[in-house]
Amino acid sequence: NPAAEADVAKMNENLRADTDYIKGVEFTHSEVIEDGSVQFFYNY
């Protein structure tokens, strides 16, 4: 979902701006799952 991919970028901005940010933690992508909802993935 293109809008969700834009959300990934914005959530990464929010992550990096957080005072508790741990270097290397990031949202990586999103997928539309079977029921039509969006699932976000992250890595560390």
Full PDB file with SEQRES, HELIX, SHEET, SSBOND, CRYST1, ORIGX, SCALE, CONECT and MASTER records, all heavy atoms in Angstrom:
SEQRES   1 A   44  ASN PRO ALA ALA GLU ALA ASP VAL ALA LYS MET ASN GLU          
SEQRES   2 A   44  ASN LEU ARG ALA ASP THR ASP TYR ILE LYS GLY VAL GLU          
SEQRES   3 A   44  PHE THR HIS SER GLU VAL ILE GLU ASP GLY SER VAL GLN          
SEQRES   4 A   44  PHE PHE TYR ASN TYR                                          
HELIX    1 AA1 PRO A    2  ALA A   17  1                                  16    
SHEET    1 AA1 2 GLU A  26  VAL A  32  0                                        
SHEET    2 AA1 2 VAL A  38  ASN A  43 -1                                        
CRYST1    1.000    1.000    1.000  90.00  90.00  90.00 P 1           1          
ORIGX1      1.000000  0.000000  0.000000        0.00000                         
ORIGX2      0.000000  1.000000  0.000000        0.00000                         
ORIGX3      0.000000  0.000000  1.000000        0.00000                         
SCALE1      1.000000  0.000000  0.000000        0.00000                         
SCALE2      0.000000  1.000000  0.000000        0.00000                         
SCALE3      0.000000  0.000000  1.000000        0.00000                         
ATOM      1  N   ASN A   1       0.873  -1.156   0.000  1.00  0.00           N  
ATOM      2  CA  ASN A   1       0.000   0.000   0.000  1.00  0.00           C  
ATOM      3  C   ASN A   1       0.919   1.217   0.000  1.00  0.00           C  
ATOM      4  O   ASN A   1       1.665   1.425   0.961  1.00  0.00           O  
ATOM      5  CB  ASN A   1      -0.874  -0.026   1.266  1.00  0.00           C  
ATOM      6  CG  ASN A   1      -1.753   1.173   1.395  1.00  0.00           C  
ATOM      7  OD1 ASN A   1      -1.354   2.297   1.107  1.00  0.00           O  
ATOM      8  ND2 ASN A   1      -2.960   0.960   1.858  1.00  0.00           N  
ATOM      9  N   PRO A   2       0.922   2.000  -1.080  1.00  0.00           N  
ATOM     10  CA  PRO A   2       1.851   3.139  -1.163  1.00  0.00           C  
ATOM     11  C   PRO A   2       1.755   4.097   0.028  1.00  0.00           C  
ATOM     12  O   PRO A   2       2.771   4.619   0.485  1.00  0.00           O  
ATOM     13  CB  PRO A   2       1.450   3.828  -2.463  1.00  0.00           C  
ATOM     14  CG  PRO A   2       0.850   2.738  -3.286  1.00  0.00           C  
ATOM     15  CD  PRO A   2       0.132   1.856  -2.298  1.00  0.00           C  
ATOM     16  N   ALA A   3       0.566   4.297   0.529  1.00  0.00           N  
ATOM     17  CA  ALA A   3       0.418   5.189   1.688  1.00  0.00           C  
ATOM     18  C   ALA A   3       1.108   4.599   2.913  1.00  0.00           C  
ATOM     19  O   ALA A   3       1.718   5.323   3.701  1.00  0.00           O  
ATOM     20  CB  ALA A   3      -1.058   5.436   1.973  1.00  0.00           C  
ATOM     21  N   ALA A   4       1.022   3.287   3.056  1.00  0.00           N  
ATOM     22  CA  ALA A   4       1.674   2.638   4.195  1.00  0.00           C  
ATOM     23  C   ALA A   4       3.191   2.729   4.068  1.00  0.00           C  
ATOM     24  O   ALA A   4       3.893   2.866   5.078  1.00  0.00           O  
ATOM     25  CB  ALA A   4       1.226   1.183   4.307  1.00  0.00           C  
ATOM     26  N   GLU A   5       3.700   2.672   2.865  1.00  0.00           N  
ATOM     27  CA  GLU A   5       5.145   2.825   2.677  1.00  0.00           C  
ATOM     28  C   GLU A   5       5.589   4.223   3.089  1.00  0.00           C  
ATOM     29  O   GLU A   5       6.669   4.395   3.649  1.00  0.00           O  
ATOM     30  CB  GLU A   5       5.544   2.514   1.237  1.00  0.00           C  
ATOM     31  CG  GLU A   5       5.478   1.031   0.912  1.00  0.00           C  
ATOM     32  CD  GLU A   5       6.338   0.167   1.827  1.00  0.00           C  
ATOM     33  OE1 GLU A   5       7.559   0.409   1.929  1.00  0.00           O  
ATOM     34  OE2 GLU A   5       5.791  -0.760   2.449  1.00  0.00           O  
ATOM     35  N   ALA A   6       4.760   5.220   2.834  1.00  0.00           N  
ATOM     36  CA  ALA A   6       5.059   6.574   3.302  1.00  0.00           C  
ATOM     37  C   ALA A   6       5.018   6.614   4.832  1.00  0.00           C  
ATOM     38  O   ALA A   6       5.807   7.331   5.463  1.00  0.00           O  
ATOM     39  CB  ALA A   6       4.075   7.578   2.709  1.00  0.00           C  
ATOM     40  N   ASP A   7       4.110   5.832   5.425  1.00  0.00           N  
ATOM     41  CA  ASP A   7       4.041   5.743   6.887  1.00  0.00           C  
ATOM     42  C   ASP A   7       5.329   5.156   7.463  1.00  0.00           C  
ATOM     43  O   ASP A   7       5.785   5.571   8.524  1.00  0.00           O  
ATOM     44  CB  ASP A   7       2.847   4.890   7.326  1.00  0.00           C  
ATOM     45  CG  ASP A   7       1.507   5.544   7.033  1.00  0.00           C  
ATOM     46  OD1 ASP A   7       1.470   6.758   6.739  1.00  0.00           O  
ATOM     47  OD2 ASP A   7       0.489   4.823   7.096  1.00  0.00           O  
ATOM     48  N   VAL A   8       5.912   4.184   6.763  1.00  0.00           N  
ATOM     49  CA  VAL A   8       7.174   3.586   7.209  1.00  0.00           C  
ATOM     50  C   VAL A   8       8.238   4.682   7.326  1.00  0.00           C  
ATOM     51  O   VAL A   8       8.948   4.770   8.338  1.00  0.00           O  
ATOM     52  CB  VAL A   8       7.641   2.462   6.249  1.00  0.00           C  
ATOM     53  CG1 VAL A   8       9.079   2.051   6.540  1.00  0.00           C  
ATOM     54  CG2 VAL A   8       6.721   1.258   6.341  1.00  0.00           C  
ATOM     55  N   ALA A   9       8.338   5.517   6.316  1.00  0.00           N  
ATOM     56  CA  ALA A   9       9.328   6.601   6.333  1.00  0.00           C  
ATOM     57  C   ALA A   9       9.068   7.559   7.493  1.00  0.00           C  
ATOM     58  O   ALA A   9       9.999   7.969   8.204  1.00  0.00           O  
ATOM     59  CB  ALA A   9       9.312   7.348   5.004  1.00  0.00           C  
ATOM     60  N   LYS A  10       7.816   7.921   7.712  1.00  0.00           N  
ATOM     61  CA  LYS A  10       7.476   8.853   8.792  1.00  0.00           C  
ATOM     62  C   LYS A  10       7.735   8.220  10.160  1.00  0.00           C  
ATOM     63  O   LYS A  10       8.269   8.877  11.063  1.00  0.00           O  
ATOM     64  CB  LYS A  10       6.006   9.294   8.669  1.00  0.00           C  
ATOM     65  CG  LYS A  10       5.584  10.278   9.721  1.00  0.00           C  
ATOM     66  CD  LYS A  10       6.386  11.567   9.649  1.00  0.00           C  
ATOM     67  CE  LYS A  10       5.911  12.531  10.721  1.00  0.00           C  
ATOM     68  NZ  LYS A  10       6.870  13.592  10.968  1.00  0.00           N  
ATOM     69  N   MET A  11       7.387   6.940  10.322  1.00  0.00           N  
ATOM     70  CA  MET A  11       7.639   6.289  11.611  1.00  0.00           C  
ATOM     71  C   MET A  11       9.135   6.172  11.872  1.00  0.00           C  
ATOM     72  O   MET A  11       9.573   6.284  13.020  1.00  0.00           O  
ATOM     73  CB  MET A  11       6.943   4.926  11.673  1.00  0.00           C  
ATOM     74  CG  MET A  11       5.436   5.052  11.838  1.00  0.00           C  
ATOM     75  SD  MET A  11       4.587   3.517  12.269  1.00  0.00           S  
ATOM     76  CE  MET A  11       4.798   2.563  10.771  1.00  0.00           C  
ATOM     77  N   ASN A  12       9.940   5.988  10.828  1.00  0.00           N  
ATOM     78  CA  ASN A  12      11.391   5.969  11.014  1.00  0.00           C  
ATOM     79  C   ASN A  12      11.903   7.329  11.460  1.00  0.00           C  
ATOM     80  O   ASN A  12      12.800   7.416  12.306  1.00  0.00           O  
ATOM     81  CB  ASN A  12      12.099   5.492   9.746  1.00  0.00           C  
ATOM     82  CG  ASN A  12      12.110   3.987   9.649  1.00  0.00           C  
ATOM     83  OD1 ASN A  12      12.134   3.284  10.660  1.00  0.00           O  
ATOM     84  ND2 ASN A  12      12.090   3.484   8.436  1.00  0.00           N  
ATOM     85  N   GLU A  13      11.332   8.403  10.923  1.00  0.00           N  
ATOM     86  CA  GLU A  13      11.694   9.746  11.395  1.00  0.00           C  
ATOM     87  C   GLU A  13      11.370   9.881  12.873  1.00  0.00           C  
ATOM     88  O   GLU A  13      12.181  10.409  13.647  1.00  0.00           O  
ATOM     89  CB  GLU A  13      10.920  10.812  10.617  1.00  0.00           C  
ATOM     90  CG  GLU A  13      11.362  11.032   9.205  1.00  0.00           C  
ATOM     91  CD  GLU A  13      10.499  12.081   8.504  1.00  0.00           C  
ATOM     92  OE1 GLU A  13       9.923  12.959   9.186  1.00  0.00           O  
ATOM     93  OE2 GLU A  13      10.403  12.011   7.272  1.00  0.00           O  
ATOM     94  N   ASN A  14      10.186   9.417  13.263  1.00  0.00           N  
ATOM     95  CA  ASN A  14       9.770   9.489  14.661  1.00  0.00           C  
ATOM     96  C   ASN A  14      10.676   8.643  15.557  1.00  0.00           C  
ATOM     97  O   ASN A  14      11.002   9.048  16.679  1.00  0.00           O  
ATOM     98  CB  ASN A  14       8.319   9.060  14.820  1.00  0.00           C  
ATOM     99  CG  ASN A  14       7.349   9.997  14.120  1.00  0.00           C  
ATOM    100  OD1 ASN A  14       7.720  11.081  13.671  1.00  0.00           O  
ATOM    101  ND2 ASN A  14       6.109   9.572  13.997  1.00  0.00           N  
ATOM    102  N   LEU A  15      11.075   7.466  15.068  1.00  0.00           N  
ATOM    103  CA  LEU A  15      12.000   6.615  15.827  1.00  0.00           C  
ATOM    104  C   LEU A  15      13.294   7.351  16.111  1.00  0.00           C  
ATOM    105  O   LEU A  15      13.753   7.410  17.255  1.00  0.00           O  
ATOM    106  CB  LEU A  15      12.341   5.358  15.017  1.00  0.00           C  
ATOM    107  CG  LEU A  15      11.553   4.085  15.237  1.00  0.00           C  
ATOM    108  CD1 LEU A  15      11.985   3.026  14.245  1.00  0.00           C  
ATOM    109  CD2 LEU A  15      11.701   3.580  16.652  1.00  0.00           C  
ATOM    110  N   ARG A  16      13.883   7.895  15.063  1.00  0.00           N  
ATOM    111  CA  ARG A  16      15.188   8.547  15.190  1.00  0.00           C  
ATOM    112  C   ARG A  16      15.123   9.804  16.061  1.00  0.00           C  
ATOM    113  O   ARG A  16      16.123  10.196  16.660  1.00  0.00           O  
ATOM    114  CB  ARG A  16      15.754   8.867  13.818  1.00  0.00           C  
ATOM    115  CG  ARG A  16      16.136   7.596  13.071  1.00  0.00           C  
ATOM    116  CD  ARG A  16      16.742   7.876  11.710  1.00  0.00           C  
ATOM    117  NE  ARG A  16      16.803   6.645  10.955  1.00  0.00           N  
ATOM    118  CZ  ARG A  16      16.013   6.334   9.941  1.00  0.00           C  
ATOM    119  NH1 ARG A  16      15.087   7.188   9.525  1.00  0.00           N  
ATOM    120  NH2 ARG A  16      16.127   5.179   9.319  1.00  0.00           N  
ATOM    121  N   ALA A  17      13.970  10.424  16.135  1.00  0.00           N  
ATOM    122  CA  ALA A  17      13.806  11.628  16.942  1.00  0.00           C  
ATOM    123  C   ALA A  17      13.545  11.315  18.419  1.00  0.00           C  
ATOM    124  O   ALA A  17      13.670  12.198  19.268  1.00  0.00           O  
ATOM    125  CB  ALA A  17      12.659  12.476  16.392  1.00  0.00           C  
ATOM    126  N   ASP A  18      13.215  10.079  18.722  1.00  0.00           N  
ATOM    127  CA  ASP A  18      12.894   9.699  20.094  1.00  0.00           C  
ATOM    128  C   ASP A  18      14.163   9.676  20.944  1.00  0.00           C  
ATOM    129  O   ASP A  18      15.216   9.223  20.506  1.00  0.00           O  
ATOM    130  CB  ASP A  18      12.220   8.321  20.114  1.00  0.00           C  
ATOM    131  CG  ASP A  18      11.540   8.061  21.430  1.00  0.00           C  
ATOM    132  OD1 ASP A  18      12.229   7.710  22.421  1.00  0.00           O  
ATOM    133  OD2 ASP A  18      10.311   8.215  21.488  1.00  0.00           O  
ATOM    134  N   THR A  19      14.053  10.159  22.168  1.00  0.00           N  
ATOM    135  CA  THR A  19      15.216  10.201  23.064  1.00  0.00           C  
ATOM    136  C   THR A  19      15.720   8.807  23.431  1.00  0.00           C  
ATOM    137  O   THR A  19      16.876   8.656  23.820  1.00  0.00           O  
ATOM    138  CB  THR A  19      14.893  10.984  24.356  1.00  0.00           C  
ATOM    139  OG1 THR A  19      13.761  10.382  24.988  1.00  0.00           O  
ATOM    140  CG2 THR A  19      14.610  12.439  24.052  1.00  0.00           C  
ATOM    141  N   ASP A  20      14.879   7.787  23.311  1.00  0.00           N  
ATOM    142  CA  ASP A  20      15.273   6.409  23.627  1.00  0.00           C  
ATOM    143  C   ASP A  20      15.732   5.623  22.398  1.00  0.00           C  
ATOM    144  O   ASP A  20      15.897   4.413  22.470  1.00  0.00           O  
ATOM    145  CB  ASP A  20      14.100   5.661  24.280  1.00  0.00           C  
ATOM    146  CG  ASP A  20      13.744   6.232  25.639  1.00  0.00           C  
ATOM    147  OD1 ASP A  20      14.664   6.692  26.340  1.00  0.00           O  
ATOM    148  OD2 ASP A  20      12.557   6.221  25.997  1.00  0.00           O  
ATOM    149  N   TYR A  21      15.947   6.315  21.281  1.00  0.00           N  
ATOM    150  CA  TYR A  21      16.315   5.634  20.035  1.00  0.00           C  
ATOM    151  C   TYR A  21      17.599   4.813  20.204  1.00  0.00           C  
ATOM    152  O   TYR A  21      18.558   5.257  20.816  1.00  0.00           O  
ATOM    153  CB  TYR A  21      16.505   6.643  18.905  1.00  0.00           C  
ATOM    154  CG  TYR A  21      16.952   6.001  17.609  1.00  0.00           C  
ATOM    155  CD1 TYR A  21      16.099   5.143  16.917  1.00  0.00           C  
ATOM    156  CD2 TYR A  21      18.218   6.220  17.099  1.00  0.00           C  
ATOM    157  CE1 TYR A  21      16.503   4.528  15.737  1.00  0.00           C  
ATOM    158  CE2 TYR A  21      18.629   5.625  15.912  1.00  0.00           C  
ATOM    159  CZ  TYR A  21      17.766   4.778  15.243  1.00  0.00           C  
ATOM    160  OH  TYR A  21      18.171   4.166  14.076  1.00  0.00           O  
ATOM    161  N   ILE A  22      17.572   3.614  19.634  1.00  0.00           N  
ATOM    162  CA  ILE A  22      18.729   2.730  19.600  1.00  0.00           C  
ATOM    163  C   ILE A  22      19.180   2.650  18.150  1.00  0.00           C  
ATOM    164  O   ILE A  22      18.393   2.267  17.269  1.00  0.00           O  
ATOM    165  CB  ILE A  22      18.377   1.328  20.139  1.00  0.00           C  
ATOM    166  CG1 ILE A  22      17.914   1.422  21.584  1.00  0.00           C  
ATOM    167  CG2 ILE A  22      19.568   0.387  19.991  1.00  0.00           C  
ATOM    168  CD1 ILE A  22      17.307   0.139  22.132  1.00  0.00           C  
ATOM    169  N   LYS A  23      20.418   3.020  17.887  1.00  0.00           N  
ATOM    170  CA  LYS A  23      20.935   3.054  16.519  1.00  0.00           C  
ATOM    171  C   LYS A  23      20.718   1.711  15.812  1.00  0.00           C  
ATOM    172  O   LYS A  23      21.015   0.654  16.352  1.00  0.00           O  
ATOM    173  CB  LYS A  23      22.427   3.396  16.525  1.00  0.00           C  
ATOM    174  CG  LYS A  23      22.993   3.584  15.144  1.00  0.00           C  
ATOM    175  CD  LYS A  23      24.441   4.005  15.191  1.00  0.00           C  
ATOM    176  CE  LYS A  23      24.956   4.160  13.776  1.00  0.00           C  
ATOM    177  NZ  LYS A  23      26.350   4.560  13.742  1.00  0.00           N  
ATOM    178  N   GLY A  24      20.183   1.810  14.598  1.00  0.00           N  
ATOM    179  CA  GLY A  24      19.973   0.622  13.777  1.00  0.00           C  
ATOM    180  C   GLY A  24      18.563   0.062  13.824  1.00  0.00           C  
ATOM    181  O   GLY A  24      18.204  -0.780  13.002  1.00  0.00           O  
ATOM    182  N   VAL A  25      17.761   0.508  14.786  1.00  0.00           N  
ATOM    183  CA  VAL A  25      16.369   0.059  14.842  1.00  0.00           C  
ATOM    184  C   VAL A  25      15.598   0.826  13.786  1.00  0.00           C  
ATOM    185  O   VAL A  25      15.697   2.046  13.701  1.00  0.00           O  
ATOM    186  CB  VAL A  25      15.760   0.295  16.247  1.00  0.00           C  
ATOM    187  CG1 VAL A  25      14.291  -0.078  16.267  1.00  0.00           C  
ATOM    188  CG2 VAL A  25      16.540  -0.463  17.303  1.00  0.00           C  
ATOM    189  N   GLU A  26      14.844   0.104  12.951  1.00  0.00           N  
ATOM    190  CA  GLU A  26      14.081   0.794  11.912  1.00  0.00           C  
ATOM    191  C   GLU A  26      12.923  -0.058  11.420  1.00  0.00           C  
ATOM    192  O   GLU A  26      12.973  -1.283  11.450  1.00  0.00           O  
ATOM    193  CB  GLU A  26      14.973   1.156  10.732  1.00  0.00           C  
ATOM    194  CG  GLU A  26      15.480  -0.041   9.958  1.00  0.00           C  
ATOM    195  CD  GLU A  26      16.333   0.332   8.761  1.00  0.00           C  
ATOM    196  OE1 GLU A  26      16.493   1.527   8.467  1.00  0.00           O  
ATOM    197  OE2 GLU A  26      16.834  -0.595   8.116  1.00  0.00           O  
ATOM    198  N   PHE A  27      11.878   0.649  10.996  1.00  0.00           N  
ATOM    199  CA  PHE A  27      10.803  -0.017  10.275  1.00  0.00           C  
ATOM    200  C   PHE A  27      11.338  -0.288   8.875  1.00  0.00           C  
ATOM    201  O   PHE A  27      11.984   0.573   8.272  1.00  0.00           O  
ATOM    202  CB  PHE A  27       9.558   0.880  10.213  1.00  0.00           C  
ATOM    203  CG  PHE A  27       8.847   1.003  11.534  1.00  0.00           C  
ATOM    204  CD1 PHE A  27       9.140   2.048  12.395  1.00  0.00           C  
ATOM    205  CD2 PHE A  27       7.912   0.065  11.917  1.00  0.00           C  
ATOM    206  CE1 PHE A  27       8.498   2.166  13.612  1.00  0.00           C  
ATOM    207  CE2 PHE A  27       7.259   0.171  13.141  1.00  0.00           C  
ATOM    208  CZ  PHE A  27       7.551   1.214  13.980  1.00  0.00           C  
ATOM    209  N   THR A  28      11.096  -1.485   8.357  1.00  0.00           N  
ATOM    210  CA  THR A  28      11.691  -1.853   7.070  1.00  0.00           C  
ATOM    211  C   THR A  28      10.706  -1.788   5.913  1.00  0.00           C  
ATOM    212  O   THR A  28      11.056  -1.352   4.834  1.00  0.00           O  
ATOM    213  CB  THR A  28      12.283  -3.265   7.129  1.00  0.00           C  
ATOM    214  OG1 THR A  28      11.255  -4.190   7.552  1.00  0.00           O  
ATOM    215  CG2 THR A  28      13.462  -3.313   8.096  1.00  0.00           C  
ATOM    216  N   HIS A  29       9.480  -2.243   6.139  1.00  0.00           N  
ATOM    217  CA  HIS A  29       8.484  -2.246   5.069  1.00  0.00           C  
ATOM    218  C   HIS A  29       7.117  -2.581   5.649  1.00  0.00           C  
ATOM    219  O   HIS A  29       6.988  -2.862   6.837  1.00  0.00           O  
ATOM    220  CB  HIS A  29       8.859  -3.244   3.968  1.00  0.00           C  
ATOM    221  CG  HIS A  29       8.795  -4.681   4.389  1.00  0.00           C  
ATOM    222  ND1 HIS A  29       9.744  -5.280   5.191  1.00  0.00           N  
ATOM    223  CD2 HIS A  29       7.884  -5.639   4.110  1.00  0.00           C  
ATOM    224  CE1 HIS A  29       9.425  -6.540   5.390  1.00  0.00           C  
ATOM    225  NE2 HIS A  29       8.292  -6.789   4.750  1.00  0.00           N  
ATOM    226  N   SER A  30       6.126  -2.558   4.776  1.00  0.00           N  
ATOM    227  CA  SER A  30       4.775  -2.940   5.171  1.00  0.00           C  
ATOM    228  C   SER A  30       4.223  -3.885   4.118  1.00  0.00           C  
ATOM    229  O   SER A  30       4.698  -3.902   2.976  1.00  0.00           O  
ATOM    230  CB  SER A  30       3.874  -1.710   5.296  1.00  0.00           C  
ATOM    231  OG  SER A  30       3.735  -1.084   4.033  1.00  0.00           O  
ATOM    232  N   GLU A  31       3.246  -4.672   4.512  1.00  0.00           N  
ATOM    233  CA  GLU A  31       2.562  -5.584   3.597  1.00  0.00           C  
ATOM    234  C   GLU A  31       1.070  -5.548   3.883  1.00  0.00           C  
ATOM    235  O   GLU A  31       0.658  -5.443   5.032  1.00  0.00           O  
ATOM    236  CB  GLU A  31       3.043  -7.024   3.775  1.00  0.00           C  
ATOM    237  CG  GLU A  31       4.449  -7.287   3.346  1.00  0.00           C  
ATOM    238  CD  GLU A  31       4.856  -8.751   3.514  1.00  0.00           C  
ATOM    239  OE1 GLU A  31       3.970  -9.614   3.685  1.00  0.00           O  
ATOM    240  OE2 GLU A  31       6.060  -9.021   3.481  1.00  0.00           O  
ATOM    241  N   VAL A  32       0.289  -5.652   2.844  1.00  0.00           N  
ATOM    242  CA  VAL A  32      -1.155  -5.819   2.999  1.00  0.00           C  
ATOM    243  C   VAL A  32      -1.378  -7.311   3.197  1.00  0.00           C  
ATOM    244  O   VAL A  32      -0.984  -8.125   2.363  1.00  0.00           O  
ATOM    245  CB  VAL A  32      -1.916  -5.310   1.756  1.00  0.00           C  
ATOM    246  CG1 VAL A  32      -3.410  -5.542   1.921  1.00  0.00           C  
ATOM    247  CG2 VAL A  32      -1.615  -3.837   1.504  1.00  0.00           C  
ATOM    248  N   ILE A  33      -1.999  -7.684   4.312  1.00  0.00           N  
ATOM    249  CA  ILE A  33      -2.220  -9.096   4.595  1.00  0.00           C  
ATOM    250  C   ILE A  33      -3.617  -9.512   4.142  1.00  0.00           C  
ATOM    251  O   ILE A  33      -4.383  -8.687   3.645  1.00  0.00           O  
ATOM    252  CB  ILE A  33      -1.946  -9.425   6.071  1.00  0.00           C  
ATOM    253  CG1 ILE A  33      -2.802  -8.572   7.022  1.00  0.00           C  
ATOM    254  CG2 ILE A  33      -0.477  -9.212   6.393  1.00  0.00           C  
ATOM    255  CD1 ILE A  33      -2.603  -8.905   8.485  1.00  0.00           C  
ATOM    256  N   GLU A  34      -3.919 -10.791   4.287  1.00  0.00           N  
ATOM    257  CA  GLU A  34      -5.136 -11.378   3.711  1.00  0.00           C  
ATOM    258  C   GLU A  34      -6.420 -10.629   4.030  1.00  0.00           C  
ATOM    259  O   GLU A  34      -7.288 -10.503   3.180  1.00  0.00           O  
ATOM    260  CB  GLU A  34      -5.282 -12.842   4.156  1.00  0.00           C  
ATOM    261  CG  GLU A  34      -4.406 -13.774   3.376  1.00  0.00           C  
ATOM    262  CD  GLU A  34      -4.686 -15.220   3.712  1.00  0.00           C  
ATOM    263  OE1 GLU A  34      -5.831 -15.556   4.074  1.00  0.00           O  
ATOM    264  OE2 GLU A  34      -3.742 -16.019   3.609  1.00  0.00           O  
ATOM    265  N   ASP A  35      -6.558 -10.145   5.254  1.00  0.00           N  
ATOM    266  CA  ASP A  35      -7.809  -9.471   5.620  1.00  0.00           C  
ATOM    267  C   ASP A  35      -7.868  -8.020   5.149  1.00  0.00           C  
ATOM    268  O   ASP A  35      -8.813  -7.307   5.432  1.00  0.00           O  
ATOM    269  CB  ASP A  35      -8.054  -9.561   7.128  1.00  0.00           C  
ATOM    270  CG  ASP A  35      -7.059  -8.764   7.957  1.00  0.00           C  
ATOM    271  OD1 ASP A  35      -6.175  -8.100   7.382  1.00  0.00           O  
ATOM    272  OD2 ASP A  35      -7.167  -8.810   9.198  1.00  0.00           O  
ATOM    273  N   GLY A  36      -6.824  -7.577   4.439  1.00  0.00           N  
ATOM    274  CA  GLY A  36      -6.800  -6.219   3.901  1.00  0.00           C  
ATOM    275  C   GLY A  36      -6.124  -5.204   4.796  1.00  0.00           C  
ATOM    276  O   GLY A  36      -5.909  -4.059   4.397  1.00  0.00           O  
ATOM    277  N   SER A  37      -5.788  -5.607   6.010  1.00  0.00           N  
ATOM    278  CA  SER A  37      -5.091  -4.683   6.896  1.00  0.00           C  
ATOM    279  C   SER A  37      -3.603  -4.637   6.537  1.00  0.00           C  
ATOM    280  O   SER A  37      -3.113  -5.458   5.772  1.00  0.00           O  
ATOM    281  CB  SER A  37      -5.288  -5.090   8.361  1.00  0.00           C  
ATOM    282  OG  SER A  37      -4.706  -6.360   8.601  1.00  0.00           O  
ATOM    283  N   VAL A  38      -2.926  -3.671   7.088  1.00  0.00           N  
ATOM    284  CA  VAL A  38      -1.512  -3.483   6.790  1.00  0.00           C  
ATOM    285  C   VAL A  38      -0.688  -3.900   8.001  1.00  0.00           C  
ATOM    286  O   VAL A  38      -0.996  -3.533   9.129  1.00  0.00           O  
ATOM    287  CB  VAL A  38      -1.213  -2.010   6.437  1.00  0.00           C  
ATOM    288  CG1 VAL A  38       0.279  -1.795   6.222  1.00  0.00           C  
ATOM    289  CG2 VAL A  38      -1.998  -1.591   5.200  1.00  0.00           C  
ATOM    290  N   GLN A  39       0.350  -4.677   7.743  1.00  0.00           N  
ATOM    291  CA  GLN A  39       1.272  -5.096   8.787  1.00  0.00           C  
ATOM    292  C   GLN A  39       2.614  -4.428   8.535  1.00  0.00           C  
ATOM    293  O   GLN A  39       3.110  -4.431   7.409  1.00  0.00           O  
ATOM    294  CB  GLN A  39       1.434  -6.611   8.798  1.00  0.00           C  
ATOM    295  CG  GLN A  39       2.324  -7.116   9.898  1.00  0.00           C  
ATOM    296  CD  GLN A  39       2.324  -8.622  10.007  1.00  0.00           C  
ATOM    297  OE1 GLN A  39       1.634  -9.311   9.274  1.00  0.00           O  
ATOM    298  NE2 GLN A  39       3.099  -9.143  10.931  1.00  0.00           N  
ATOM    299  N   PHE A  40       3.184  -3.842   9.586  1.00  0.00           N  
ATOM    300  CA  PHE A  40       4.479  -3.175   9.485  1.00  0.00           C  
ATOM    301  C   PHE A  40       5.557  -4.082  10.068  1.00  0.00           C  
ATOM    302  O   PHE A  40       5.349  -4.749  11.069  1.00  0.00           O  
ATOM    303  CB  PHE A  40       4.458  -1.841  10.231  1.00  0.00           C  
ATOM    304  CG  PHE A  40       3.564  -0.826   9.587  1.00  0.00           C  
ATOM    305  CD1 PHE A  40       2.231  -0.712   9.940  1.00  0.00           C  
ATOM    306  CD2 PHE A  40       4.056   0.006   8.595  1.00  0.00           C  
ATOM    307  CE1 PHE A  40       1.399   0.209   9.342  1.00  0.00           C  
ATOM    308  CE2 PHE A  40       3.240   0.935   7.978  1.00  0.00           C  
ATOM    309  CZ  PHE A  40       1.903   1.038   8.348  1.00  0.00           C  
ATOM    310  N   PHE A  41       6.722  -4.061   9.439  1.00  0.00           N  
ATOM    311  CA  PHE A  41       7.848  -4.878   9.872  1.00  0.00           C  
ATOM    312  C   PHE A  41       8.994  -3.970  10.284  1.00  0.00           C  
ATOM    313  O   PHE A  41       9.149  -2.870   9.758  1.00  0.00           O  
ATOM    314  CB  PHE A  41       8.304  -5.797   8.735  1.00  0.00           C  
ATOM    315  CG  PHE A  41       7.260  -6.802   8.344  1.00  0.00           C  
ATOM    316  CD1 PHE A  41       6.272  -6.475   7.435  1.00  0.00           C  
ATOM    317  CD2 PHE A  41       7.262  -8.072   8.911  1.00  0.00           C  
ATOM    318  CE1 PHE A  41       5.293  -7.396   7.074  1.00  0.00           C  
ATOM    319  CE2 PHE A  41       6.296  -8.998   8.556  1.00  0.00           C  
ATOM    320  CZ  PHE A  41       5.312  -8.668   7.635  1.00  0.00           C  
ATOM    321  N   TYR A  42       9.798  -4.459  11.215  1.00  0.00           N  
ATOM    322  CA  TYR A  42      10.955  -3.689  11.660  1.00  0.00           C  
ATOM    323  C   TYR A  42      12.143  -4.617  11.846  1.00  0.00           C  
ATOM    324  O   TYR A  42      12.003  -5.833  11.854  1.00  0.00           O  
ATOM    325  CB  TYR A  42      10.652  -2.914  12.945  1.00  0.00           C  
ATOM    326  CG  TYR A  42      10.437  -3.781  14.167  1.00  0.00           C  
ATOM    327  CD1 TYR A  42      11.495  -4.049  15.039  1.00  0.00           C  
ATOM    328  CD2 TYR A  42       9.201  -4.320  14.453  1.00  0.00           C  
ATOM    329  CE1 TYR A  42      11.314  -4.836  16.159  1.00  0.00           C  
ATOM    330  CE2 TYR A  42       9.004  -5.114  15.565  1.00  0.00           C  
ATOM    331  CZ  TYR A  42      10.056  -5.371  16.422  1.00  0.00           C  
ATOM    332  OH  TYR A  42       9.869  -6.156  17.523  1.00  0.00           O  
ATOM    333  N   ASN A  43      13.297  -4.008  12.014  1.00  0.00           N  
ATOM    334  CA  ASN A  43      14.517  -4.760  12.196  1.00  0.00           C  
ATOM    335  C   ASN A  43      15.383  -4.035  13.216  1.00  0.00           C  
ATOM    336  O   ASN A  43      15.228  -2.834  13.440  1.00  0.00           O  
ATOM    337  CB  ASN A  43      15.263  -4.873  10.858  1.00  0.00           C  
ATOM    338  CG  ASN A  43      16.256  -6.020  10.846  1.00  0.00           C  
ATOM    339  OD1 ASN A  43      16.393  -6.765  11.811  1.00  0.00           O  
ATOM    340  ND2 ASN A  43      16.968  -6.143   9.749  1.00  0.00           N  
ATOM    341  N   TYR A  44      16.278  -4.781  13.818  1.00  0.00           N  
ATOM    342  CA  TYR A  44      17.245  -4.186  14.731  1.00  0.00           C  
ATOM    343  C   TYR A  44      18.564  -4.945  14.595  1.00  0.00           C  
ATOM    344  O   TYR A  44      18.582  -6.089  14.123  1.00  0.00           O  
ATOM    345  CB  TYR A  44      16.742  -4.190  16.180  1.00  0.00           C  
ATOM    346  CG  TYR A  44      16.286  -5.535  16.692  1.00  0.00           C  
ATOM    347  CD1 TYR A  44      17.198  -6.471  17.183  1.00  0.00           C  
ATOM    348  CD2 TYR A  44      14.936  -5.867  16.692  1.00  0.00           C  
ATOM    349  CE1 TYR A  44      16.774  -7.703  17.635  1.00  0.00           C  
ATOM    350  CE2 TYR A  44      14.511  -7.096  17.153  1.00  0.00           C  
ATOM    351  CZ  TYR A  44      15.437  -8.009  17.637  1.00  0.00           C  
ATOM    352  OH  TYR A  44      15.022  -9.232  18.095  1.00  0.00           O  
TER     353      TYR A  44                                                      
MASTER        0    0    0    1    2    0    0    6  352    1    0    4          
END                                                                             
